PDB file of all heavy atoms in Angstrom:
ATOM      1  N   VAL A   1       0.853  -1.159   0.021  1.00  0.00           N
ATOM      2  CA  VAL A   1       0.013   0.017   0.012  1.00  0.00           C
ATOM      3  C   VAL A   1       0.874   1.271  -0.019  1.00  0.00           C
ATOM      4  O   VAL A   1       0.643   2.214  -0.715  1.00  0.00           O
ATOM      5  CB  VAL A   1      -0.982  -0.005   1.212  1.00  0.00           C
ATOM      6  CG1 VAL A   1      -1.658   1.338   1.358  1.00  0.00           C
ATOM      7  CG2 VAL A   1      -2.019  -1.090   1.027  1.00  0.00           C
ATOM      8  N   VAL A   2       1.880   1.265   0.852  1.00  0.00           N
ATOM      9  CA  VAL A   2       2.812   2.393   0.902  1.00  0.00           C
ATOM     10  C   VAL A   2       3.504   2.727  -0.420  1.00  0.00           C
ATOM     11  O   VAL A   2       3.527   3.830  -0.887  1.00  0.00           O
ATOM     12  CB  VAL A   2       3.825   2.191   1.989  1.00  0.00           C
ATOM     13  CG1 VAL A   2       4.901   3.333   1.970  1.00  0.00           C
ATOM     14  CG2 VAL A   2       3.242   2.124   3.380  1.00  0.00           C
ATOM     15  N   GLU A   3       3.916   1.659  -1.104  1.00  0.00           N
ATOM     16  CA  GLU A   3       4.626   1.835  -2.397  1.00  0.00           C
ATOM     17  C   GLU A   3       3.643   2.254  -3.475  1.00  0.00           C
ATOM     18  O   GLU A   3       4.011   3.068  -4.345  1.00  0.00           O
ATOM     19  CB  GLU A   3       5.286   0.496  -2.811  1.00  0.00           C
ATOM     20  CG  GLU A   3       6.507   0.195  -1.984  1.00  0.00           C
ATOM     21  CD  GLU A   3       7.593   1.185  -1.994  1.00  0.00           C
ATOM     22  OE1 GLU A   3       7.762   1.850  -3.075  1.00  0.00           O
ATOM     23  OE2 GLU A   3       8.332   1.362  -1.060  1.00  0.00           O
ATOM     24  N   GLN A   4       2.403   1.866  -3.400  1.00  0.00           N
ATOM     25  CA  GLN A   4       1.389   2.291  -4.378  1.00  0.00           C
ATOM     26  C   GLN A   4       1.084   3.799  -4.134  1.00  0.00           C
ATOM     27  O   GLN A   4       0.829   4.523  -5.117  1.00  0.00           O
ATOM     28  CB  GLN A   4       0.110   1.443  -4.402  1.00  0.00           C
ATOM     29  CG  GLN A   4       0.363  -0.037  -4.518  1.00  0.00           C
ATOM     30  CD  GLN A   4       1.377  -0.364  -5.606  1.00  0.00           C
ATOM     31  OE1 GLN A   4       1.377   0.176  -6.740  1.00  0.00           O
ATOM     32  NE2 GLN A   4       2.375  -1.277  -5.295  1.00  0.00           N
ATOM     33  N   CYS A   5       1.108   4.166  -2.892  1.00  0.00           N
ATOM     34  CA  CYS A   5       0.884   5.589  -2.610  1.00  0.00           C
ATOM     35  C   CYS A   5       2.070   6.414  -3.214  1.00  0.00           C
ATOM     36  O   CYS A   5       1.863   7.467  -3.776  1.00  0.00           O
ATOM     37  CB  CYS A   5       0.803   5.864  -1.133  1.00  0.00           C
ATOM     38  SG  CYS A   5      -0.689   5.258  -0.292  1.00  0.00           S
ATOM     39  N   ARG A   6       3.229   5.905  -3.108  1.00  0.00           N
ATOM     40  CA  ARG A   6       4.393   6.575  -3.728  1.00  0.00           C
ATOM     41  C   ARG A   6       4.239   6.670  -5.228  1.00  0.00           C
ATOM     42  O   ARG A   6       4.541   7.718  -5.822  1.00  0.00           O
ATOM     43  CB  ARG A   6       5.662   5.804  -3.369  1.00  0.00           C
ATOM     44  CG  ARG A   6       6.206   5.998  -1.956  1.00  0.00           C
ATOM     45  CD  ARG A   6       7.521   5.210  -1.760  1.00  0.00           C
ATOM     46  NE  ARG A   6       8.143   5.515  -0.474  1.00  0.00           N
ATOM     47  CZ  ARG A   6       8.918   6.522  -0.254  1.00  0.00           C
ATOM     48  NH1 ARG A   6       9.233   7.354  -1.284  1.00  0.00           N
ATOM     49  NH2 ARG A   6       9.447   6.750   0.908  1.00  0.00           N
ATOM     50  N   ASN A   7       3.770   5.584  -5.804  1.00  0.00           N
ATOM     51  CA  ASN A   7       3.551   5.590  -7.277  1.00  0.00           C
ATOM     52  C   ASN A   7       2.574   6.619  -7.750  1.00  0.00           C
ATOM     53  O   ASN A   7       2.710   7.314  -8.790  1.00  0.00           O
ATOM     54  CB  ASN A   7       3.133   4.234  -7.746  1.00  0.00           C
ATOM     55  CG  ASN A   7       4.257   3.227  -7.626  1.00  0.00           C
ATOM     56  OD1 ASN A   7       5.438   3.559  -7.599  1.00  0.00           O
ATOM     57  ND2 ASN A   7       3.895   1.908  -7.665  1.00  0.00           N
ATOM     58  N   ILE A   8       1.544   6.900  -6.934  1.00  0.00           N
ATOM     59  CA  ILE A   8       0.554   7.879  -7.200  1.00  0.00           C
ATOM     60  C   ILE A   8       1.187   9.306  -7.062  1.00  0.00           C
ATOM     61  O   ILE A   8       0.954  10.189  -7.931  1.00  0.00           O
ATOM     62  CB  ILE A   8      -0.676   7.819  -6.261  1.00  0.00           C
ATOM     63  CG1 ILE A   8      -1.438   6.492  -6.583  1.00  0.00           C
ATOM     64  CG2 ILE A   8      -1.621   8.991  -6.471  1.00  0.00           C
ATOM     65  CD1 ILE A   8      -2.527   6.182  -5.597  1.00  0.00           C
ATOM     66  N   ILE A   9       1.969   9.482  -6.025  1.00  0.00           N
ATOM     67  CA  ILE A   9       2.565  10.777  -5.812  1.00  0.00           C
ATOM     68  C   ILE A   9       3.601  11.127  -6.925  1.00  0.00           C
ATOM     69  O   ILE A   9       3.874  12.310  -7.187  1.00  0.00           O
ATOM     70  CB  ILE A   9       3.270  10.851  -4.411  1.00  0.00           C
ATOM     71  CG1 ILE A   9       2.139  10.685  -3.365  1.00  0.00           C
ATOM     72  CG2 ILE A   9       4.002  12.151  -4.198  1.00  0.00           C
ATOM     73  CD1 ILE A   9       2.707  10.455  -1.907  1.00  0.00           C
ATOM     74  N   LYS A  10       4.133  10.103  -7.560  1.00  0.00           N
ATOM     75  CA  LYS A  10       5.061  10.304  -8.666  1.00  0.00           C
ATOM     76  C   LYS A  10       4.418  10.870  -9.950  1.00  0.00           C
ATOM     77  O   LYS A  10       5.055  11.300 -10.830  1.00  0.00           O
ATOM     78  CB  LYS A  10       5.825   9.020  -9.025  1.00  0.00           C
ATOM     79  CG  LYS A  10       6.727   8.471  -7.949  1.00  0.00           C
ATOM     80  CD  LYS A  10       7.279   7.118  -8.311  1.00  0.00           C
ATOM     81  CE  LYS A  10       8.133   6.488  -7.241  1.00  0.00           C
ATOM     82  NZ  LYS A  10       8.553   5.097  -7.557  1.00  0.00           N
ATOM     83  N   THR A  11       3.068  10.767 -10.046  1.00  0.00           N
ATOM     84  CA  THR A  11       2.380  11.159 -11.273  1.00  0.00           C
ATOM     85  C   THR A  11       2.250  12.637 -11.425  1.00  0.00           C
ATOM     86  O   THR A  11       2.155  13.426 -10.454  1.00  0.00           O
ATOM     87  CB  THR A  11       0.968  10.533 -11.337  1.00  0.00           C
ATOM     88  OG1 THR A  11       0.170  11.081 -10.294  1.00  0.00           O
ATOM     89  CG2 THR A  11       1.018   9.014 -11.173  1.00  0.00           C
ATOM     90  N   ALA A  12       2.318  13.072 -12.670  1.00  0.00           N
ATOM     91  CA  ALA A  12       2.238  14.499 -12.983  1.00  0.00           C
ATOM     92  C   ALA A  12       0.899  15.128 -12.542  1.00  0.00           C
ATOM     93  O   ALA A  12       0.926  16.249 -11.965  1.00  0.00           O
ATOM     94  CB  ALA A  12       2.432  14.721 -14.488  1.00  0.00           C
ATOM     95  N   PRO A  13      -0.256  14.492 -12.751  1.00  0.00           N
ATOM     96  CA  PRO A  13      -1.475  15.147 -12.319  1.00  0.00           C
ATOM     97  C   PRO A  13      -1.560  15.517 -10.868  1.00  0.00           C
ATOM     98  O   PRO A  13      -1.998  16.572 -10.466  1.00  0.00           O
ATOM     99  CB  PRO A  13      -2.610  14.136 -12.749  1.00  0.00           C
ATOM    100  CG  PRO A  13      -1.979  13.323 -13.800  1.00  0.00           C
ATOM    101  CD  PRO A  13      -0.548  13.233 -13.459  1.00  0.00           C
ATOM    102  N   VAL A  14      -1.088  14.577 -10.077  1.00  0.00           N
ATOM    103  CA  VAL A  14      -1.092  14.748  -8.603  1.00  0.00           C
ATOM    104  C   VAL A  14      -0.108  15.912  -8.190  1.00  0.00           C
ATOM    105  O   VAL A  14      -0.454  16.815  -7.440  1.00  0.00           O
ATOM    106  CB  VAL A  14      -0.770  13.475  -7.837  1.00  0.00           C
ATOM    107  CG1 VAL A  14      -0.583  13.732  -6.352  1.00  0.00           C
ATOM    108  CG2 VAL A  14      -1.929  12.466  -8.064  1.00  0.00           C
ATOM    109  N   GLN A  15       1.102  15.832  -8.705  1.00  0.00           N
ATOM    110  CA  GLN A  15       2.129  16.848  -8.365  1.00  0.00           C
ATOM    111  C   GLN A  15       1.703  18.238  -8.821  1.00  0.00           C
ATOM    112  O   GLN A  15       1.793  19.216  -8.072  1.00  0.00           O
ATOM    113  CB  GLN A  15       3.443  16.450  -9.034  1.00  0.00           C
ATOM    114  CG  GLN A  15       4.140  15.224  -8.442  1.00  0.00           C
ATOM    115  CD  GLN A  15       5.484  15.029  -8.985  1.00  0.00           C
ATOM    116  OE1 GLN A  15       6.173  15.981  -9.326  1.00  0.00           O
ATOM    117  NE2 GLN A  15       5.946  13.757  -9.041  1.00  0.00           N
ATOM    118  N   LYS A  16       1.195  18.357 -10.009  1.00  0.00           N
ATOM    119  CA  LYS A  16       0.816  19.667 -10.547  1.00  0.00           C
ATOM    120  C   LYS A  16      -0.382  20.244  -9.842  1.00  0.00           C
ATOM    121  O   LYS A  16      -0.447  21.464  -9.532  1.00  0.00           O
ATOM    122  CB  LYS A  16       0.589  19.581 -12.093  1.00  0.00           C
ATOM    123  CG  LYS A  16       1.823  19.287 -12.818  1.00  0.00           C
ATOM    124  CD  LYS A  16       1.581  18.867 -14.243  1.00  0.00           C
ATOM    125  CE  LYS A  16       1.147  20.023 -15.126  1.00  0.00           C
ATOM    126  NZ  LYS A  16       1.000  19.624 -16.576  1.00  0.00           N
ATOM    127  N   CYS A  17      -1.422  19.423  -9.594  1.00  0.00           N
ATOM    128  CA  CYS A  17      -2.612  19.870  -8.888  1.00  0.00           C
ATOM    129  C   CYS A  17      -2.257  20.302  -7.502  1.00  0.00           C
ATOM    130  O   CYS A  17      -2.772  21.314  -7.017  1.00  0.00           O
ATOM    131  CB  CYS A  17      -3.668  18.783  -8.863  1.00  0.00           C
ATOM    132  SG  CYS A  17      -5.283  19.363  -8.274  1.00  0.00           S
ATOM    133  N   TYR A  18      -1.417  19.521  -6.782  1.00  0.00           N
ATOM    134  CA  TYR A  18      -1.111  19.901  -5.422  1.00  0.00           C
ATOM    135  C   TYR A  18      -0.290  21.202  -5.392  1.00  0.00           C
ATOM    136  O   TYR A  18      -0.440  22.013  -4.473  1.00  0.00           O
ATOM    137  CB  TYR A  18      -0.288  18.772  -4.712  1.00  0.00           C
ATOM    138  CG  TYR A  18      -0.047  19.028  -3.276  1.00  0.00           C
ATOM    139  CD1 TYR A  18      -1.075  18.845  -2.365  1.00  0.00           C
ATOM    140  CD2 TYR A  18       1.145  19.540  -2.817  1.00  0.00           C
ATOM    141  CE1 TYR A  18      -0.877  19.145  -0.974  1.00  0.00           C
ATOM    142  CE2 TYR A  18       1.376  19.822  -1.487  1.00  0.00           C
ATOM    143  CZ  TYR A  18       0.326  19.617  -0.582  1.00  0.00           C
ATOM    144  OH  TYR A  18       0.568  19.868   0.725  1.00  0.00           O
ATOM    145  N   ALA A  19       0.631  21.355  -6.361  1.00  0.00           N
ATOM    146  CA  ALA A  19       1.440  22.591  -6.386  1.00  0.00           C
ATOM    147  C   ALA A  19       0.547  23.857  -6.581  1.00  0.00           C
ATOM    148  O   ALA A  19       0.772  24.917  -5.999  1.00  0.00           O
ATOM    149  CB  ALA A  19       2.452  22.501  -7.549  1.00  0.00           C
ATOM    150  N   GLU A  20      -0.549  23.655  -7.308  1.00  0.00           N
ATOM    151  CA  GLU A  20      -1.421  24.802  -7.663  1.00  0.00           C
ATOM    152  C   GLU A  20      -2.560  24.960  -6.606  1.00  0.00           C
ATOM    153  O   GLU A  20      -2.837  26.114  -6.215  1.00  0.00           O
ATOM    154  CB  GLU A  20      -2.037  24.588  -9.026  1.00  0.00           C
ATOM    155  CG  GLU A  20      -3.021  25.721  -9.413  1.00  0.00           C
ATOM    156  CD  GLU A  20      -3.679  25.448 -10.723  1.00  0.00           C
ATOM    157  OE1 GLU A  20      -3.238  24.474 -11.441  1.00  0.00           O
ATOM    158  OE2 GLU A  20      -4.658  26.133 -11.075  1.00  0.00           O
ATOM    159  N   LYS A  21      -3.115  23.817  -6.136  1.00  0.00           N
ATOM    160  CA  LYS A  21      -4.381  23.980  -5.298  1.00  0.00           C
ATOM    161  C   LYS A  21      -4.175  23.366  -3.808  1.00  0.00           C
ATOM    162  O   LYS A  21      -5.144  23.428  -3.092  1.00  0.00           O
ATOM    163  CB  LYS A  21      -5.501  23.226  -5.998  1.00  0.00           C
ATOM    164  CG  LYS A  21      -5.747  23.785  -7.393  1.00  0.00           C
ATOM    165  CD  LYS A  21      -6.813  22.971  -8.120  1.00  0.00           C
ATOM    166  CE  LYS A  21      -7.034  23.532  -9.547  1.00  0.00           C
ATOM    167  NZ  LYS A  21      -8.086  22.719 -10.295  1.00  0.00           N
ATOM    168  N   LYS A  22      -3.066  22.674  -3.615  1.00  0.00           N
ATOM    169  CA  LYS A  22      -2.861  22.078  -2.312  1.00  0.00           C
ATOM    170  C   LYS A  22      -3.752  20.868  -2.050  1.00  0.00           C
ATOM    171  O   LYS A  22      -4.028  20.484  -0.879  1.00  0.00           O
ATOM    172  CB  LYS A  22      -2.952  23.071  -1.137  1.00  0.00           C
ATOM    173  CG  LYS A  22      -1.901  24.142  -1.210  1.00  0.00           C
ATOM    174  CD  LYS A  22      -0.496  23.541  -1.155  1.00  0.00           C
ATOM    175  CE  LYS A  22       0.592  24.559  -1.248  1.00  0.00           C
ATOM    176  NZ  LYS A  22       1.955  23.951  -1.292  1.00  0.00           N
ATOM    177  N   PHE A  23      -4.213  20.276  -3.094  1.00  0.00           N
ATOM    178  CA  PHE A  23      -4.899  18.999  -3.047  1.00  0.00           C
ATOM    179  C   PHE A  23      -4.630  18.297  -4.384  1.00  0.00           C
ATOM    180  O   PHE A  23      -4.305  18.976  -5.363  1.00  0.00           O
ATOM    181  CB  PHE A  23      -6.351  19.096  -2.659  1.00  0.00           C
ATOM    182  CG  PHE A  23      -7.234  19.841  -3.766  1.00  0.00           C
ATOM    183  CD1 PHE A  23      -7.656  19.177  -4.852  1.00  0.00           C
ATOM    184  CD2 PHE A  23      -7.540  21.226  -3.587  1.00  0.00           C
ATOM    185  CE1 PHE A  23      -8.451  19.852  -5.872  1.00  0.00           C
ATOM    186  CE2 PHE A  23      -8.336  21.842  -4.557  1.00  0.00           C
ATOM    187  CZ  PHE A  23      -8.790  21.201  -5.650  1.00  0.00           C
ATOM    188  N   PRO A  24      -4.819  16.981  -4.452  1.00  0.00           N
ATOM    189  CA  PRO A  24      -5.283  16.014  -3.407  1.00  0.00           C
ATOM    190  C   PRO A  24      -4.198  15.537  -2.492  1.00  0.00           C
ATOM    191  O   PRO A  24      -3.033  15.684  -2.798  1.00  0.00           O
ATOM    192  CB  PRO A  24      -5.775  14.814  -4.341  1.00  0.00           C
ATOM    193  CG  PRO A  24      -4.869  14.814  -5.411  1.00  0.00           C
ATOM    194  CD  PRO A  24      -4.543  16.292  -5.790  1.00  0.00           C
ATOM    195  N   ILE A  25      -4.642  14.980  -1.376  1.00  0.00           N
ATOM    196  CA  ILE A  25      -3.730  14.311  -0.404  1.00  0.00           C
ATOM    197  C   ILE A  25      -3.905  12.798  -0.635  1.00  0.00           C
ATOM    198  O   ILE A  25      -4.969  12.301  -0.901  1.00  0.00           O
ATOM    199  CB  ILE A  25      -4.115  14.635   1.031  1.00  0.00           C
ATOM    200  CG1 ILE A  25      -4.097  16.176   1.238  1.00  0.00           C
ATOM    201  CG2 ILE A  25      -3.185  13.935   2.010  1.00  0.00           C
ATOM    202  CD1 ILE A  25      -2.711  16.746   1.086  1.00  0.00           C
ATOM    203  N   VAL A  26      -2.741  12.078  -0.586  1.00  0.00           N
ATOM    204  CA  VAL A  26      -2.801  10.677  -0.776  1.00  0.00           C
ATOM    205  C   VAL A  26      -2.702   9.906   0.557  1.00  0.00           C
ATOM    206  O   VAL A  26      -1.872  10.266   1.429  1.00  0.00           O
ATOM    207  CB  VAL A  26      -1.594  10.221  -1.664  1.00  0.00           C
ATOM    208  CG1 VAL A  26      -1.610   8.689  -1.854  1.00  0.00           C
ATOM    209  CG2 VAL A  26      -1.658  10.883  -3.058  1.00  0.00           C
TER     210      VAL A  26
END
């Protein structure tokens, strides 16, 4: 589960959205 969370955080949509809007949280 922890490694899959890491894999999600590595994705561009999550990184870019968090940088702009401070969400989503994984």
